[in-house]
Amino acid sequence: MNISEILSVTMVLFAVIDIIGSIPIVISVRDKVGHIQSEKATIAACSIMIIFLFIGEELLALFGVNVASFAVAGALILFFLALEMILGVRIYKEVEPESASIVPIAFPLIAGAGTLTTLISIRSEYASINILIAIIINAILVYLVLKNTHHIEGILGKGGISIIRKIFGIILLAISVRLFTANISSLIA
């Protein structure tokens, strides 16, 4: 167990999950479907992330993909997610939800493609126990945000949420470049 790694992975996952930046989406879903079960959504998302952390590599092996290839692909996805966050554009558009809690809150909003790609990508750099602890920390943060969405929006305002989203976008961009450069050499050699 390494505190520095836990903090690094926690920040990476927090940036990728982007629950603060997702507050407007959560409010929109809540307005459409009524109540969102924060506990159910958090437990489902956490379970998906933990399962993927431990069997994601085996799933990749079934398709003949190694971790370095997946890390490079993940770096590219993180790059585009970061561009979305920084520039305020949508590159990937999702279908509007009909129900909430598990879909679309737990998956794909919290434990979506970017999060799952990140988990496999960072596994090449960090110990699994540190990633597991970071997943649990992020699950707690997600739960707190889902429970207090209206209060957070009132405190931060739209401008505050936008600033936080852009800051985490820049962090995510730097992480994507680091992941790409750390893993591309093993693919070229």
C-alpha atoms as a PDB file:
ATOM      1  CA  MET A   1       0.000   0.000   0.000  1.00  0.00           C
ATOM      2  CA  ASN A   2       1.439   3.325  -1.120  1.00  0.00           C
ATOM      3  CA  ILE A   3      -0.274   6.593  -0.107  1.00  0.00           C
ATOM      4  CA  SER A   4       1.257   8.498  -3.020  1.00  0.00           C
ATOM      5  CA  GLU A   5      -0.076   5.958  -5.537  1.00  0.00           C
ATOM      6  CA  ILE A   6      -3.493   5.933  -3.852  1.00  0.00           C
ATOM      7  CA  LEU A   7      -3.705   9.734  -4.107  1.00  0.00           C
ATOM      8  CA  SER A   8      -2.544   9.696  -7.738  1.00  0.00           C
ATOM      9  CA  VAL A   9      -5.043   7.020  -8.783  1.00  0.00           C
ATOM     10  CA  THR A  10      -7.822   8.704  -6.772  1.00  0.00           C
ATOM     11  CA  MET A  11      -7.209  11.965  -8.638  1.00  0.00           C
ATOM     12  CA  VAL A  12      -7.068  10.204 -12.018  1.00  0.00           C
ATOM     13  CA  LEU A  13     -10.351   8.375 -11.386  1.00  0.00           C
ATOM     14  CA  PHE A  14     -11.966  11.505  -9.958  1.00  0.00           C
ATOM     15  CA  ALA A  15     -11.022  13.391 -13.125  1.00  0.00           C
ATOM     16  CA  VAL A  16     -12.238  10.612 -15.436  1.00  0.00           C
ATOM     17  CA  ILE A  17     -15.489   9.972 -13.562  1.00  0.00           C
ATOM     18  CA  ASP A  18     -15.996  13.768 -13.430  1.00  0.00           C
ATOM     19  CA  ILE A  19     -18.914  13.544 -11.015  1.00  0.00           C
ATOM     20  CA  ILE A  20     -18.753  17.296 -10.293  1.00  0.00           C
ATOM     21  CA  GLY A  21     -18.946  18.076 -14.004  1.00  0.00           C
ATOM     22  CA  SER A  22     -21.800  15.572 -14.275  1.00  0.00           C
ATOM     23  CA  ILE A  23     -24.001  17.409 -11.777  1.00  0.00           C
ATOM     24  CA  PRO A  24     -26.025  19.084 -14.565  1.00  0.00           C
ATOM     25  CA  ILE A  25     -26.582  15.643 -16.182  1.00  0.00           C
ATOM     26  CA  VAL A  26     -27.590  14.104 -12.837  1.00  0.00           C
ATOM     27  CA  ILE A  27     -30.070  16.945 -12.226  1.00  0.00           C
ATOM     28  CA  SER A  28     -31.470  16.552 -15.731  1.00  0.00           C
ATOM     29  CA  VAL A  29     -31.936  12.792 -15.229  1.00  0.00           C
ATOM     30  CA  ARG A  30     -33.492  13.370 -11.801  1.00  0.00           C
ATOM     31  CA  ASP A  31     -35.940  15.895 -13.314  1.00  0.00           C
ATOM     32  CA  LYS A  32     -36.933  13.395 -16.028  1.00  0.00           C
ATOM     33  CA  VAL A  33     -37.330  10.256 -13.928  1.00  0.00           C
ATOM     34  CA  GLY A  34     -37.893  11.550 -10.414  1.00  0.00           C
ATOM     35  CA  HIS A  35     -35.745  10.067  -7.659  1.00  0.00           C
ATOM     36  CA  ILE A  36     -32.255   8.640  -8.266  1.00  0.00           C
ATOM     37  CA  GLN A  37     -31.219   5.966  -5.788  1.00  0.00           C
ATOM     38  CA  SER A  38     -27.758   7.237  -4.843  1.00  0.00           C
ATOM     39  CA  GLU A  39     -26.834   4.118  -2.848  1.00  0.00           C
ATOM     40  CA  LYS A  40     -27.858   1.718  -5.609  1.00  0.00           C
ATOM     41  CA  ALA A  41     -26.069   3.731  -8.312  1.00  0.00           C
ATOM     42  CA  THR A  42     -22.874   3.994  -6.252  1.00  0.00           C
ATOM     43  CA  ILE A  43     -22.760   0.300  -5.320  1.00  0.00           C
ATOM     44  CA  ALA A  44     -23.414  -0.740  -8.925  1.00  0.00           C
ATOM     45  CA  ALA A  45     -20.728   1.582 -10.318  1.00  0.00           C
ATOM     46  CA  CYS A  46     -18.202   0.512  -7.672  1.00  0.00           C
ATOM     47  CA  SER A  47     -18.915  -3.165  -8.382  1.00  0.00           C
ATOM     48  CA  ILE A  48     -18.477  -2.690 -12.130  1.00  0.00           C
ATOM     49  CA  MET A  49     -15.125  -0.933 -11.593  1.00  0.00           C
ATOM     50  CA  ILE A  50     -13.815  -3.565  -9.149  1.00  0.00           C
ATOM     51  CA  ILE A  51     -14.869  -6.464 -11.370  1.00  0.00           C
ATOM     52  CA  PHE A  52     -13.257  -4.833 -14.396  1.00  0.00           C
ATOM     53  CA  LEU A  53     -10.085  -4.100 -12.409  1.00  0.00           C
ATOM     54  CA  PHE A  54      -9.613  -7.786 -11.648  1.00  0.00           C
ATOM     55  CA  ILE A  55     -10.914  -9.519 -14.791  1.00  0.00           C
ATOM     56  CA  GLY A  56     -10.400  -6.786 -17.366  1.00  0.00           C
ATOM     57  CA  GLU A  57      -7.028  -8.178 -18.426  1.00  0.00           C
ATOM     58  CA  GLU A  58      -8.524 -11.659 -18.914  1.00  0.00           C
ATOM     59  CA  LEU A  59     -11.264 -10.135 -21.046  1.00  0.00           C
ATOM     60  CA  LEU A  60      -8.608  -8.407 -23.122  1.00  0.00           C
ATOM     61  CA  ALA A  61      -6.674 -11.659 -23.487  1.00  0.00           C
ATOM     62  CA  LEU A  62      -9.776 -13.295 -24.967  1.00  0.00           C
ATOM     63  CA  PHE A  63      -9.529 -10.737 -27.774  1.00  0.00           C
ATOM     64  CA  GLY A  64      -5.728 -11.009 -28.080  1.00  0.00           C
ATOM     65  CA  VAL A  65      -5.057  -7.506 -26.752  1.00  0.00           C
ATOM     66  CA  ASN A  66      -2.205  -6.832 -24.317  1.00  0.00           C
ATOM     67  CA  VAL A  67      -2.216  -4.249 -21.524  1.00  0.00           C
ATOM     68  CA  ALA A  68       0.209  -1.921 -23.325  1.00  0.00           C
ATOM     69  CA  SER A  69      -2.073  -1.771 -26.389  1.00  0.00           C
ATOM     70  CA  PHE A  70      -5.077  -1.149 -24.175  1.00  0.00           C
ATOM     71  CA  ALA A  71      -3.145   1.521 -22.249  1.00  0.00           C
ATOM     72  CA  VAL A  72      -2.323   3.347 -25.494  1.00  0.00           C
ATOM     73  CA  ALA A  73      -5.968   3.094 -26.597  1.00  0.00           C
ATOM     74  CA  GLY A  74      -7.003   4.279 -23.143  1.00  0.00           C
ATOM     75  CA  ALA A  75      -4.607   7.207 -23.379  1.00  0.00           C
ATOM     76  CA  LEU A  76      -6.279   8.266 -26.627  1.00  0.00           C
ATOM     77  CA  ILE A  77      -9.750   8.021 -25.060  1.00  0.00           C
ATOM     78  CA  LEU A  78      -8.568  10.028 -22.046  1.00  0.00           C
ATOM     79  CA  PHE A  79      -7.100  12.577 -24.457  1.00  0.00           C
ATOM     80  CA  PHE A  80     -10.480  13.098 -26.127  1.00  0.00           C
ATOM     81  CA  LEU A  81     -12.312  13.154 -22.779  1.00  0.00           C
ATOM     82  CA  ALA A  82      -9.875  15.842 -21.631  1.00  0.00           C
ATOM     83  CA  LEU A  83     -10.534  17.851 -24.800  1.00  0.00           C
ATOM     84  CA  GLU A  84     -14.281  17.620 -24.117  1.00  0.00           C
ATOM     85  CA  MET A  85     -13.739  18.909 -20.587  1.00  0.00           C
ATOM     86  CA  ILE A  86     -11.345  21.713 -21.539  1.00  0.00           C
ATOM     87  CA  LEU A  87     -13.064  22.943 -24.702  1.00  0.00           C
ATOM     88  CA  GLY A  88     -16.636  22.362 -23.544  1.00  0.00           C
ATOM     89  CA  VAL A  89     -17.573  20.345 -26.625  1.00  0.00           C
ATOM     90  CA  ARG A  90     -19.198  16.915 -26.877  1.00  0.00           C
ATOM     91  CA  ILE A  91     -17.281  14.490 -29.051  1.00  0.00           C
ATOM     92  CA  TYR A  92     -19.225  11.457 -27.829  1.00  0.00           C
ATOM     93  CA  LYS A  93     -22.996  11.803 -27.624  1.00  0.00           C
ATOM     94  CA  GLU A  94     -25.112   9.403 -25.595  1.00  0.00           C
ATOM     95  CA  VAL A  95     -28.749   8.457 -26.001  1.00  0.00           C
ATOM     96  CA  GLU A  96     -31.095  10.253 -23.609  1.00  0.00           C
ATOM     97  CA  PRO A  97     -32.011   8.041 -20.652  1.00  0.00           C
ATOM     98  CA  GLU A  98     -35.466   6.655 -19.924  1.00  0.00           C
ATOM     99  CA  SER A  99     -34.656   5.433 -16.409  1.00  0.00           C
ATOM    100  CA  ALA A 100     -32.003   6.207 -13.792  1.00  0.00           C
ATOM    101  CA  SER A 101     -29.831   4.791 -10.970  1.00  0.00           C
ATOM    102  CA  ILE A 102     -28.127   1.854 -12.735  1.00  0.00           C
ATOM    103  CA  VAL A 103     -28.495   3.157 -16.298  1.00  0.00           C
ATOM    104  CA  PRO A 104     -27.340   5.872 -17.031  1.00  0.00           C
ATOM    105  CA  ILE A 105     -25.983   6.974 -13.637  1.00  0.00           C
ATOM    106  CA  ALA A 106     -23.908   3.906 -12.583  1.00  0.00           C
ATOM    107  CA  PHE A 107     -23.194   2.932 -16.175  1.00  0.00           C
ATOM    108  CA  PRO A 108     -22.090   4.739 -18.323  1.00  0.00           C
ATOM    109  CA  LEU A 109     -21.943   8.042 -16.383  1.00  0.00           C
ATOM    110  CA  ILE A 110     -19.774   6.836 -13.465  1.00  0.00           C
ATOM    111  CA  ALA A 111     -18.341   3.495 -14.640  1.00  0.00           C
ATOM    112  CA  GLY A 112     -18.286   4.225 -18.330  1.00  0.00           C
ATOM    113  CA  ALA A 113     -15.844   3.491 -21.125  1.00  0.00           C
ATOM    114  CA  GLY A 114     -13.389   6.151 -19.981  1.00  0.00           C
ATOM    115  CA  THR A 115     -13.341   4.844 -16.411  1.00  0.00           C
ATOM    116  CA  LEU A 116     -12.955   1.200 -17.414  1.00  0.00           C
ATOM    117  CA  THR A 117     -10.251   2.051 -19.935  1.00  0.00           C
ATOM    118  CA  THR A 118      -8.453   4.062 -17.281  1.00  0.00           C
ATOM    119  CA  LEU A 119      -8.562   1.161 -14.802  1.00  0.00           C
ATOM    120  CA  ILE A 120      -6.830  -1.178 -17.239  1.00  0.00           C
ATOM    121  CA  SER A 121      -4.407   1.506 -18.379  1.00  0.00           C
ATOM    122  CA  ILE A 122      -3.249   2.479 -14.880  1.00  0.00           C
ATOM    123  CA  ARG A 123      -2.905  -1.148 -13.847  1.00  0.00           C
ATOM    124  CA  SER A 124       0.323  -1.190 -15.826  1.00  0.00           C
ATOM    125  CA  GLU A 125       1.713   1.528 -13.521  1.00  0.00           C
ATOM    126  CA  TYR A 126       0.090   1.076 -10.083  1.00  0.00           C
ATOM    127  CA  ALA A 127      -0.461  -1.784  -7.623  1.00  0.00           C
ATOM    128  CA  SER A 128      -3.956  -3.320  -7.650  1.00  0.00           C
ATOM    129  CA  ILE A 129      -4.499  -2.687  -3.927  1.00  0.00           C
ATOM    130  CA  ASN A 130      -3.828   1.034  -4.410  1.00  0.00           C
ATOM    131  CA  ILE A 131      -6.251   1.149  -7.343  1.00  0.00           C
ATOM    132  CA  LEU A 132      -8.872  -0.744  -5.291  1.00  0.00           C
ATOM    133  CA  ILE A 133      -8.585   1.752  -2.430  1.00  0.00           C
ATOM    134  CA  ALA A 134      -8.847   4.633  -4.928  1.00  0.00           C
ATOM    135  CA  ILE A 135     -12.010   3.068  -6.402  1.00  0.00           C
ATOM    136  CA  ILE A 136     -13.578   2.885  -2.938  1.00  0.00           C
ATOM    137  CA  ILE A 137     -12.579   6.496  -2.147  1.00  0.00           C
ATOM    138  CA  ASN A 138     -14.120   7.614  -5.432  1.00  0.00           C
ATOM    139  CA  ALA A 139     -17.278   5.591  -4.739  1.00  0.00           C
ATOM    140  CA  ILE A 140     -17.649   7.447  -1.434  1.00  0.00           C
ATOM    141  CA  LEU A 141     -17.113  10.797  -3.198  1.00  0.00           C
ATOM    142  CA  VAL A 142     -19.619   9.852  -5.911  1.00  0.00           C
ATOM    143  CA  TYR A 143     -22.194   8.883  -3.277  1.00  0.00           C
ATOM    144  CA  LEU A 144     -21.712  12.176  -1.413  1.00  0.00           C
ATOM    145  CA  VAL A 145     -22.075  14.172  -4.629  1.00  0.00           C
ATOM    146  CA  LEU A 146     -25.178  12.235  -5.755  1.00  0.00           C
ATOM    147  CA  LYS A 147     -26.772  12.755  -2.342  1.00  0.00           C
ATOM    148  CA  ASN A 148     -25.969  16.474  -2.305  1.00  0.00           C
ATOM    149  CA  THR A 149     -26.242  17.463  -5.968  1.00  0.00           C
ATOM    150  CA  HIS A 150     -28.605  20.383  -5.414  1.00  0.00           C
ATOM    151  CA  HIS A 151     -26.513  21.813  -2.572  1.00  0.00           C
ATOM    152  CA  ILE A 152     -23.260  21.549  -4.532  1.00  0.00           C
ATOM    153  CA  GLU A 153     -24.773  23.207  -7.578  1.00  0.00           C
ATOM    154  CA  GLY A 154     -26.054  26.029  -5.394  1.00  0.00           C
ATOM    155  CA  ILE A 155     -22.644  26.557  -3.777  1.00  0.00           C
ATOM    156  CA  LEU A 156     -20.466  26.308  -6.903  1.00  0.00           C
ATOM    157  CA  GLY A 157     -22.847  27.743  -9.454  1.00  0.00           C
ATOM    158  CA  LYS A 158     -22.509  27.015 -13.150  1.00  0.00           C
ATOM    159  CA  GLY A 159     -19.267  29.006 -13.391  1.00  0.00           C
ATOM    160  CA  GLY A 160     -17.629  27.107 -10.532  1.00  0.00           C
ATOM    161  CA  ILE A 161     -18.564  23.744 -11.996  1.00  0.00           C
ATOM    162  CA  SER A 162     -17.185  24.847 -15.362  1.00  0.00           C
ATOM    163  CA  ILE A 163     -13.855  25.929 -13.818  1.00  0.00           C
ATOM    164  CA  ILE A 164     -13.476  22.636 -11.910  1.00  0.00           C
ATOM    165  CA  ARG A 165     -14.281  20.697 -15.065  1.00  0.00           C
ATOM    166  CA  LYS A 166     -11.577  22.554 -17.036  1.00  0.00           C
ATOM    167  CA  ILE A 167      -8.945  22.084 -14.305  1.00  0.00           C
ATOM    168  CA  PHE A 168      -9.592  18.334 -14.206  1.00  0.00           C
ATOM    169  CA  GLY A 169      -9.552  18.312 -18.013  1.00  0.00           C
ATOM    170  CA  ILE A 170      -6.009  19.695 -18.035  1.00  0.00           C
ATOM    171  CA  ILE A 171      -4.916  17.126 -15.423  1.00  0.00           C
ATOM    172  CA  LEU A 172      -6.514  14.369 -17.486  1.00  0.00           C
ATOM    173  CA  LEU A 173      -4.766  15.612 -20.639  1.00  0.00           C
ATOM    174  CA  ALA A 174      -1.381  15.428 -18.892  1.00  0.00           C
ATOM    175  CA  ILE A 175      -2.170  11.915 -17.623  1.00  0.00           C
ATOM    176  CA  SER A 176      -3.142  10.768 -21.119  1.00  0.00           C
ATOM    177  CA  VAL A 177       0.147  12.025 -22.546  1.00  0.00           C
ATOM    178  CA  ARG A 178       2.095  10.232 -19.782  1.00  0.00           C
ATOM    179  CA  LEU A 179       0.196   6.959 -20.331  1.00  0.00           C
ATOM    180  CA  PHE A 180       0.733   7.190 -24.076  1.00  0.00           C
ATOM    181  CA  THR A 181       4.477   7.850 -23.856  1.00  0.00           C
ATOM    182  CA  ALA A 182       4.999   5.168 -21.164  1.00  0.00           C
ATOM    183  CA  ASN A 183       3.350   2.421 -23.223  1.00  0.00           C
ATOM    184  CA  ILE A 184       3.891   3.279 -26.900  1.00  0.00           C
ATOM    185  CA  SER A 185       7.571   2.261 -26.850  1.00  0.00           C
ATOM    186  CA  SER A 186       6.692  -1.365 -25.966  1.00  0.00           C
ATOM    187  CA  LEU A 187       4.384  -1.514 -28.989  1.00  0.00           C
ATOM    188  CA  ILE A 188       6.907  -0.064 -31.423  1.00  0.00           C
ATOM    189  CA  ALA A 189       9.820  -2.249 -30.318  1.00  0.00           C
END
